[in-house]
Amino acid sequence: MSYEFNEFQLEWLEALDSGGYKQHPAELYGQESKGFCCLGIACMLHPSVVLEPHEWDVTLEQTLSPDTYRGVNDDLKLKSTTGVIALNKYNITQFLEFLNTLETETTVALLESYREMVLGIEGYGVDLTILNDDGVSFKDIAKICRKFPELIFN
C-alpha cells in the first residue's frame, strides 16, 4: 500500500522542488538572507498564515498563533512540528543509504552522526529541520519525503 499525499503536502513538495526559494538554516525565515527553512516554505504557502515572511520571528511559536501553527501542521500532517523522521534500528541503514544517493554531498561523519542520533543513548531523532540546517537541499528533502512518507507524515 503506497502513501497518498494530500493536496497541501503535494503543493509543499512541489515548492521544495521548484528552486524558487533560497534555503536558510535555523529559522523559518532569515531576515537578512531572505531564505527559508523547509518548514518555513510550508508556512509561506498555507492560507492560515497571513503574516508576510519579513514579519516572522525565529519560530512559529513566537509570532504565529498556536491555532495558525496547528493549521499548517494539520494540513502538512507531520508526525511532529519539526518533521521528525521515525527512524529506528530497523530502517536507519536504508535511510542513510538513500541519503548517500542524493545530490547533497553527505560526509561519512554526517551520516554517522545521524546514525548516533537515532541509535545513541540520548535517543534523539533526525528531523527535517536538522536535515535543512545541515545543508540537505530542498530538492533532496522533497525526495526523502517522497521515499519515506510513512516515516514523516501521519
C-alpha atoms as a PDB file:
ATOM      1  CA  MET A   1       0.000   0.000   0.000  1.00  0.00           C
ATOM      2  CA  SER A   2       1.531   3.324  -1.030  1.00  0.00           C
ATOM      3  CA  TYR A   3       1.159   6.572   0.849  1.00  0.00           C
ATOM      4  CA  GLU A   4      -1.337   9.011  -0.631  1.00  0.00           C
ATOM      5  CA  PHE A   5      -0.200  12.627  -0.301  1.00  0.00           C
ATOM      6  CA  ASN A   6      -2.823  15.275   0.333  1.00  0.00           C
ATOM      7  CA  GLU A   7      -3.118  18.460  -1.727  1.00  0.00           C
ATOM      8  CA  PHE A   8      -1.150  20.654   0.702  1.00  0.00           C
ATOM      9  CA  GLN A   9       1.654  18.110   1.048  1.00  0.00           C
ATOM     10  CA  LEU A  10       1.958  17.958  -2.756  1.00  0.00           C
ATOM     11  CA  GLU A  11       1.994  21.754  -3.007  1.00  0.00           C
ATOM     12  CA  TRP A  12       4.753  21.917  -0.381  1.00  0.00           C
ATOM     13  CA  LEU A  13       6.827  19.187  -2.071  1.00  0.00           C
ATOM     14  CA  GLU A  14       6.469  20.946  -5.433  1.00  0.00           C
ATOM     15  CA  ALA A  15       7.615  24.217  -3.837  1.00  0.00           C
ATOM     16  CA  LEU A  16      10.665  22.453  -2.392  1.00  0.00           C
ATOM     17  CA  ASP A  17      11.423  21.055  -5.856  1.00  0.00           C
ATOM     18  CA  SER A  18      10.850  24.346  -7.659  1.00  0.00           C
ATOM     19  CA  GLY A  19      14.179  26.007  -6.959  1.00  0.00           C
ATOM     20  CA  GLY A  20      12.228  29.196  -6.270  1.00  0.00           C
ATOM     21  CA  TYR A  21      13.216  29.535  -2.620  1.00  0.00           C
ATOM     22  CA  LYS A  22      16.557  30.317  -1.039  1.00  0.00           C
ATOM     23  CA  GLN A  23      17.481  27.942   1.777  1.00  0.00           C
ATOM     24  CA  HIS A  24      18.279  29.228   5.262  1.00  0.00           C
ATOM     25  CA  PRO A  25      19.239  27.304   8.436  1.00  0.00           C
ATOM     26  CA  ALA A  26      17.907  27.557  11.984  1.00  0.00           C
ATOM     27  CA  GLU A  27      14.950  29.867  11.341  1.00  0.00           C
ATOM     28  CA  LEU A  28      11.701  29.599   9.418  1.00  0.00           C
ATOM     29  CA  TYR A  29      12.748  32.733   7.547  1.00  0.00           C
ATOM     30  CA  GLY A  30      16.060  34.564   7.604  1.00  0.00           C
ATOM     31  CA  GLN A  31      15.503  38.313   7.634  1.00  0.00           C
ATOM     32  CA  GLU A  32      18.959  39.096   6.228  1.00  0.00           C
ATOM     33  CA  SER A  33      19.336  36.197   3.810  1.00  0.00           C
ATOM     34  CA  LYS A  34      15.684  36.264   2.696  1.00  0.00           C
ATOM     35  CA  GLY A  35      15.869  32.471   2.837  1.00  0.00           C
ATOM     36  CA  PHE A  36      13.584  29.816   4.292  1.00  0.00           C
ATOM     37  CA  CYS A  37      13.782  26.647   6.316  1.00  0.00           C
ATOM     38  CA  CYS A  38      11.959  23.775   4.589  1.00  0.00           C
ATOM     39  CA  LEU A  39       9.097  24.176   7.090  1.00  0.00           C
ATOM     40  CA  GLY A  40       9.079  27.939   6.576  1.00  0.00           C
ATOM     41  CA  ILE A  41       8.027  27.258   2.992  1.00  0.00           C
ATOM     42  CA  ALA A  42       5.016  25.326   4.312  1.00  0.00           C
ATOM     43  CA  CYS A  43       4.087  28.364   6.407  1.00  0.00           C
ATOM     44  CA  MET A  44       4.541  30.638   3.411  1.00  0.00           C
ATOM     45  CA  LEU A  45       2.138  28.504   1.363  1.00  0.00           C
ATOM     46  CA  HIS A  46      -0.536  27.903   3.986  1.00  0.00           C
ATOM     47  CA  PRO A  47      -3.678  30.077   3.714  1.00  0.00           C
ATOM     48  CA  SER A  48      -3.948  30.492   7.500  1.00  0.00           C
ATOM     49  CA  VAL A  49      -0.607  32.305   7.681  1.00  0.00           C
ATOM     50  CA  VAL A  50      -1.423  35.916   6.907  1.00  0.00           C
ATOM     51  CA  LEU A  51       1.884  37.434   8.024  1.00  0.00           C
ATOM     52  CA  GLU A  52       4.452  38.112   5.343  1.00  0.00           C
ATOM     53  CA  PRO A  53       7.783  36.310   5.916  1.00  0.00           C
ATOM     54  CA  HIS A  54       9.591  39.537   6.834  1.00  0.00           C
ATOM     55  CA  GLU A  55       7.090  39.866   9.728  1.00  0.00           C
ATOM     56  CA  TRP A  56       8.005  36.438  11.130  1.00  0.00           C
ATOM     57  CA  ASP A  57      10.387  35.939  14.017  1.00  0.00           C
ATOM     58  CA  VAL A  58      12.611  32.918  14.616  1.00  0.00           C
ATOM     59  CA  THR A  59       9.873  30.397  15.330  1.00  0.00           C
ATOM     60  CA  LEU A  60       6.214  29.953  14.668  1.00  0.00           C
ATOM     61  CA  GLU A  61       5.554  29.770  18.397  1.00  0.00           C
ATOM     62  CA  GLN A  62       6.873  33.322  18.816  1.00  0.00           C
ATOM     63  CA  THR A  63       4.979  35.047  16.041  1.00  0.00           C
ATOM     64  CA  LEU A  64       2.103  32.966  14.778  1.00  0.00           C
ATOM     65  CA  SER A  65      -0.796  31.982  16.955  1.00  0.00           C
ATOM     66  CA  PRO A  66      -0.980  28.355  18.085  1.00  0.00           C
ATOM     67  CA  ASP A  67      -4.146  27.984  16.033  1.00  0.00           C
ATOM     68  CA  THR A  68      -2.348  29.139  12.889  1.00  0.00           C
ATOM     69  CA  TYR A  69       0.572  26.815  13.518  1.00  0.00           C
ATOM     70  CA  ARG A  70      -1.836  23.980  14.212  1.00  0.00           C
ATOM     71  CA  GLY A  71      -3.486  24.726  10.871  1.00  0.00           C
ATOM     72  CA  VAL A  72      -0.199  24.373   8.993  1.00  0.00           C
ATOM     73  CA  ASN A  73       0.663  21.143  10.770  1.00  0.00           C
ATOM     74  CA  ASP A  74      -2.886  19.787  10.477  1.00  0.00           C
ATOM     75  CA  ASP A  75      -2.640  20.085   6.701  1.00  0.00           C
ATOM     76  CA  LEU A  76       1.013  19.077   6.363  1.00  0.00           C
ATOM     77  CA  LYS A  77       0.322  16.129   8.706  1.00  0.00           C
ATOM     78  CA  LEU A  78       3.862  15.809  10.044  1.00  0.00           C
ATOM     79  CA  LYS A  79       4.423  13.328  12.844  1.00  0.00           C
ATOM     80  CA  SER A  80       5.885  16.245  14.836  1.00  0.00           C
ATOM     81  CA  THR A  81       6.192  20.007  14.476  1.00  0.00           C
ATOM     82  CA  THR A  82       9.859  19.699  13.485  1.00  0.00           C
ATOM     83  CA  GLY A  83       9.195  16.935  10.967  1.00  0.00           C
ATOM     84  CA  VAL A  84      10.769  14.139  12.978  1.00  0.00           C
ATOM     85  CA  ILE A  85      11.585  11.095  10.855  1.00  0.00           C
ATOM     86  CA  ALA A  86      10.527   7.880  12.594  1.00  0.00           C
ATOM     87  CA  LEU A  87      13.857   6.117  12.250  1.00  0.00           C
ATOM     88  CA  ASN A  88      14.924   3.126  14.287  1.00  0.00           C
ATOM     89  CA  LYS A  89      17.452   0.304  14.240  1.00  0.00           C
ATOM     90  CA  TYR A  90      15.426  -1.463  11.553  1.00  0.00           C
ATOM     91  CA  ASN A  91      15.276   1.339   8.979  1.00  0.00           C
ATOM     92  CA  ILE A  92      18.262   3.623   9.714  1.00  0.00           C
ATOM     93  CA  THR A  93      20.616   1.811   7.318  1.00  0.00           C
ATOM     94  CA  GLN A  94      18.162   2.053   4.407  1.00  0.00           C
ATOM     95  CA  PHE A  95      17.644   5.756   5.171  1.00  0.00           C
ATOM     96  CA  LEU A  96      21.386   6.502   5.297  1.00  0.00           C
ATOM     97  CA  GLU A  97      21.991   4.551   2.074  1.00  0.00           C
ATOM     98  CA  PHE A  98      19.294   6.646   0.377  1.00  0.00           C
ATOM     99  CA  LEU A  99      20.856   9.876   1.699  1.00  0.00           C
ATOM    100  CA  ASN A 100      24.104   8.814   0.082  1.00  0.00           C
ATOM    101  CA  THR A 101      22.409   8.669  -3.352  1.00  0.00           C
ATOM    102  CA  LEU A 102      21.152  12.259  -3.256  1.00  0.00           C
ATOM    103  CA  GLU A 103      22.705  15.337  -4.842  1.00  0.00           C
ATOM    104  CA  THR A 104      23.582  16.908  -1.495  1.00  0.00           C
ATOM    105  CA  GLU A 105      27.107  15.919  -0.566  1.00  0.00           C
ATOM    106  CA  THR A 106      26.999  13.959   2.668  1.00  0.00           C
ATOM    107  CA  THR A 107      30.130  13.108   4.591  1.00  0.00           C
ATOM    108  CA  VAL A 108      30.699   9.869   6.434  1.00  0.00           C
ATOM    109  CA  ALA A 109      30.860  11.881   9.663  1.00  0.00           C
ATOM    110  CA  LEU A 110      27.447  13.443   8.995  1.00  0.00           C
ATOM    111  CA  LEU A 111      25.862  10.088   8.198  1.00  0.00           C
ATOM    112  CA  GLU A 112      27.369   8.555  11.315  1.00  0.00           C
ATOM    113  CA  SER A 113      26.091  11.471  13.415  1.00  0.00           C
ATOM    114  CA  TYR A 114      22.567  10.693  12.147  1.00  0.00           C
ATOM    115  CA  ARG A 115      23.042   7.018  13.000  1.00  0.00           C
ATOM    116  CA  GLU A 116      24.178   8.031  16.507  1.00  0.00           C
ATOM    117  CA  MET A 117      21.196  10.392  16.890  1.00  0.00           C
ATOM    118  CA  VAL A 118      18.819   7.529  16.164  1.00  0.00           C
ATOM    119  CA  LEU A 119      20.595   4.665  17.903  1.00  0.00           C
ATOM    120  CA  GLY A 120      22.554   6.507  20.584  1.00  0.00           C
ATOM    121  CA  ILE A 121      21.850   6.522  24.271  1.00  0.00           C
ATOM    122  CA  GLU A 122      20.405  10.052  24.191  1.00  0.00           C
ATOM    123  CA  GLY A 123      17.529   8.887  21.989  1.00  0.00           C
ATOM    124  CA  TYR A 124      17.436  11.948  19.752  1.00  0.00           C
ATOM    125  CA  GLY A 125      15.999  11.604  16.305  1.00  0.00           C
ATOM    126  CA  VAL A 126      16.641  13.089  12.921  1.00  0.00           C
ATOM    127  CA  ASP A 127      14.066  15.550  11.652  1.00  0.00           C
ATOM    128  CA  LEU A 128      13.516  17.719   8.590  1.00  0.00           C
ATOM    129  CA  THR A 129      14.829  20.820  10.363  1.00  0.00           C
ATOM    130  CA  ILE A 130      18.115  19.043  11.169  1.00  0.00           C
ATOM    131  CA  LEU A 131      18.467  17.987   7.533  1.00  0.00           C
ATOM    132  CA  ASN A 132      17.715  21.560   6.436  1.00  0.00           C
ATOM    133  CA  ASP A 133      20.239  23.023   8.895  1.00  0.00           C
ATOM    134  CA  ASP A 134      22.884  20.509   7.802  1.00  0.00           C
ATOM    135  CA  GLY A 135      22.568  21.732   4.223  1.00  0.00           C
ATOM    136  CA  VAL A 136      20.481  18.955   2.682  1.00  0.00           C
ATOM    137  CA  SER A 137      18.913  20.737  -0.285  1.00  0.00           C
ATOM    138  CA  PHE A 138      15.195  21.408  -0.567  1.00  0.00           C
ATOM    139  CA  LYS A 139      15.049  19.104  -3.585  1.00  0.00           C
ATOM    140  CA  ASP A 140      16.651  16.309  -1.589  1.00  0.00           C
ATOM    141  CA  ILE A 141      14.341  16.920   1.388  1.00  0.00           C
ATOM    142  CA  ALA A 142      11.419  16.531  -1.026  1.00  0.00           C
ATOM    143  CA  LYS A 143      12.941  13.273  -2.332  1.00  0.00           C
ATOM    144  CA  ILE A 144      13.306  11.985   1.232  1.00  0.00           C
ATOM    145  CA  CYS A 145       9.661  12.843   1.968  1.00  0.00           C
ATOM    146  CA  ARG A 146       8.535  11.027  -1.171  1.00  0.00           C
ATOM    147  CA  LYS A 147      10.707   7.995  -0.452  1.00  0.00           C
ATOM    148  CA  PHE A 148       9.810   7.672   3.247  1.00  0.00           C
ATOM    149  CA  PRO A 149       6.380   9.309   3.681  1.00  0.00           C
ATOM    150  CA  GLU A 150       5.233   6.797   6.292  1.00  0.00           C
ATOM    151  CA  LEU A 151       8.183   7.807   8.485  1.00  0.00           C
ATOM    152  CA  ILE A 152       7.442  11.552   8.238  1.00  0.00           C
ATOM    153  CA  PHE A 153       3.702  12.049   7.779  1.00  0.00           C
ATOM    154  CA  ASN A 154       0.692  10.774   9.724  1.00  0.00           C
END
